Amino acid sequence: MKTDLLQRITIEPGKCGGRPCIRGMRIRVQDILDMLAAGTSEEEILRDYPYLERDDIRAAITYAAAYLNHTIVPARTR
């Protein structure tokens, strides 16, 4: 499951400064983490960003956890 979630994270040099994004869209992993840290619920995020899926939020959290663990996290490039 963890690998499936991480496949939702993409990095494209010309998009969002090459920062990790969700499924090639212009919403960064950091954006989702910032919203969660500010107390925004998953339900609120999904309502405000209807193109996101619950697994996108989980992917952002999984990516951050792996990054903090200094694990090499592969991301798809386009």
Protein backbone atom coordinates (compact mmCIF):
# COMPACT_ATOMS: atom_id res chain seq x y z
CA MET A 1 0.00 0.00 0.00
CA LYS A 2 2.82 2.42 0.87
CA THR A 3 4.35 2.05 -2.59
CA ASP A 4 0.96 2.59 -4.22
CA LEU A 5 0.51 5.81 -2.29
CA LEU A 6 3.96 7.09 -3.17
CA GLN A 7 3.22 6.66 -6.87
CA ARG A 8 0.79 9.56 -6.47
CA ILE A 9 3.75 11.88 -5.78
CA THR A 10 5.34 13.42 -8.85
CA ILE A 11 8.24 15.79 -9.37
CA GLU A 12 8.49 17.83 -12.54
CA PRO A 13 11.33 20.33 -12.98
CA GLY A 14 9.08 22.99 -14.56
CA LYS A 15 6.17 22.63 -12.15
CA CYS A 16 6.07 24.20 -8.68
CA GLY A 17 9.81 24.69 -8.69
CA GLY A 18 10.45 20.96 -8.91
CA ARG A 19 8.83 20.34 -5.55
CA PRO A 20 6.87 17.13 -4.88
CA CYS A 21 3.28 17.44 -6.11
CA ILE A 22 0.18 15.30 -6.13
CA ARG A 23 -0.45 13.35 -9.34
CA GLY A 24 1.16 15.95 -11.61
CA MET A 25 -1.19 18.69 -10.43
CA ARG A 26 -0.08 22.03 -9.09
CA ILE A 27 -0.79 21.15 -5.50
CA ARG A 28 2.35 20.45 -3.53
CA VAL A 29 2.82 17.87 -0.81
CA GLN A 30 3.76 20.85 1.38
CA ASP A 31 0.38 22.51 0.69
CA ILE A 32 -1.48 19.49 2.03
CA LEU A 33 0.81 19.18 5.04
CA ASP A 34 0.40 22.89 5.83
CA MET A 35 -3.38 22.56 5.75
CA LEU A 36 -3.31 19.54 8.04
CA ALA A 37 -0.89 21.28 10.42
CA ALA A 38 -3.25 24.28 10.57
CA GLY A 39 -6.04 21.97 11.71
CA THR A 40 -7.90 21.59 8.44
CA SER A 41 -9.66 18.23 8.37
CA GLU A 42 -9.35 15.77 5.52
CA GLU A 43 -13.03 16.34 4.78
CA GLU A 44 -12.48 20.11 4.48
CA ILE A 45 -9.50 19.63 2.17
CA LEU A 46 -11.46 17.26 -0.05
CA ARG A 47 -14.41 19.65 -0.14
CA ASP A 48 -12.22 22.67 -0.98
CA TYR A 49 -10.15 20.75 -3.55
CA PRO A 50 -12.61 18.37 -5.22
CA TYR A 51 -9.98 17.05 -7.63
CA LEU A 52 -8.07 15.54 -4.69
CA GLU A 53 -8.75 12.08 -3.35
CA ARG A 54 -8.38 10.82 0.20
CA ASP A 55 -5.38 8.71 -0.86
CA ASP A 56 -3.68 11.91 -2.12
CA ILE A 57 -3.70 13.20 1.46
CA ARG A 58 -2.37 9.90 2.73
CA ALA A 59 0.30 9.96 0.04
CA ALA A 60 1.47 13.39 1.20
CA ILE A 61 1.74 12.16 4.79
CA THR A 62 3.51 8.97 3.70
CA TYR A 63 5.97 10.95 1.58
CA ALA A 64 6.75 13.32 4.45
CA ALA A 65 7.26 10.45 6.89
CA ALA A 66 9.65 8.70 4.51
CA TYR A 67 11.51 11.95 3.83
CA LEU A 68 11.98 12.60 7.54
CA ASN A 69 13.23 9.06 7.97
CA HIS A 70 15.89 9.85 5.35
CA THR A 71 14.56 7.10 3.14
CA ILE A 72 15.11 7.54 -0.58
CA VAL A 73 11.64 8.15 -1.96
CA PRO A 74 11.26 7.62 -5.69
CA ALA A 75 8.86 9.90 -7.50
CA ARG A 76 7.62 9.65 -11.04
CA THR A 77 8.95 12.27 -13.41
CA ARG A 78 7.10 13.41 -16.46
